[in-house]
Every structure is written in C-alpha cells, then in structure tokens.
C-alpha cells in the first residue's frame, strides 16, 4: 500500500486535539492525546518536542482564533478604544477555553500568533507616547485583568452563595440585583474602563481627547509612573 497523500498528523491537529482534551478535562497527557488521535505517542514526537511545545501550540491556536476575529482592528483611532477592544477580543477567545488558562500562564509566550496579539497592544501604548516601563505595566495590567475575567466567564452567574445572616451585605446585594445574566460582562467593562482611565494618568503630557469629543480635554488626572506612586514623597 502506498503512503497516504496527506500526513495523518500535523502540529495544528495535535494542538487542537490537546485543546479539546483540556476543554473537557482541564489538562491532557501524551498517552491520552495519542489515544484521541488514534496514533502512538512516538508519532506525536515526530511533530512536537513535548508537553511545553504542545501548551504553546494550544496558546497559538487560541491566539490565531482571536486574530481571525480581529475586532480590535476596527476600534478606531483613539488609544482607549483600541486598548479596550483588544481586551474584549482576547477575553472572548480565551473565555471559550477557560480551563486552558492555568496551563497557559505557566509557560513563557513564544508562539508567533500570541506574540502578534500582544504586539498590537504594545503598539497602542508606544504610539501614544508611553515610556518603556509604562508600556510593560500597561500590557501587564490589561493582560492580568483580561485573564481573570476570561476565567470568570466560565463561573456561575451566582458565584457567591452568601448566607443572609452571616454575610448580609453580600446576600442582600445579590438578592436585590437585576443584572439579567450579565454580571461577568458588566464587571469586565467596569474594570476595563477603570484600568484605561488610570493608564491615561501615566502619559507624559495632557491626555488629549479627539478633537471632535464634545467633552474636550480631560481634567488633570496626575502624572508620573506607577513606581513614583509607590515611592513616598519627601518633604
């Protein structure tokens, strides 16, 4: 019998099969992955170098899907809108695979698809004039909040089952709230708005609004880097 015209395995096929296992079970093993693909474990090693390689591949699959959606490419010129759209787009892609997040944060990002996503975010801040340290801080804080919110997308709408007597404030808030199943979404939007407002205070000069903004330039919201705020002032 001749050789098949197409390879049975490919790196992307391995990555997507591993992601399916993670979505179902929260993790994967090489034997389990080989069984799912109906191949021997040694066959997998012809295409990937091991577990870390597969984890980065899972990240690249999710990153490719986020790039394909491309919502942040049409967010408009204002850096605030672009940064918020980035967080929304990537959160949506990761939220579909929330069980993969604990695996992904344990490995440094090396795949091109994910690095390209973060390049888009870093470019937003670089083009706006953020200092190098502040670009790193801005990317970090948006990434951290986005990852946490992506996990929250998979949590129950009633995430805190508080007791009316022992936790009356929490119980009362949830009992009286009417969020129509949008607790996670509303929390995410509030957090992104707060983060971006803070990031605006890190700009080296006045944070100019677009010329057509009826509110005009924002009030002075302070200056200096996060390091400055952590250092006590001297008399």
Foldseek 3Di string as FASTA:
>chain_A
DDDDPDDLDALLVLLVLQLVVCQVPLGDDLCRSCVSSVHDSVVVCVHAPDDLRSLLSVVLVLLVVLVVVVQLVPQDDDLLSSLLSLLVSSLVSCLSRLSSLVVNVVDDHDDPSVVVSLVSNLVSCVVLAFDPVLSVVLSVVSVVLSSVLSNVSPADLCNDPDDCPPCVVVNVCVVPDDPPSCPSVVVSVVVSVVSSVVSCQAHPDFSFDPPPPPVGGDDNPHYDDPVVVVDDDDD
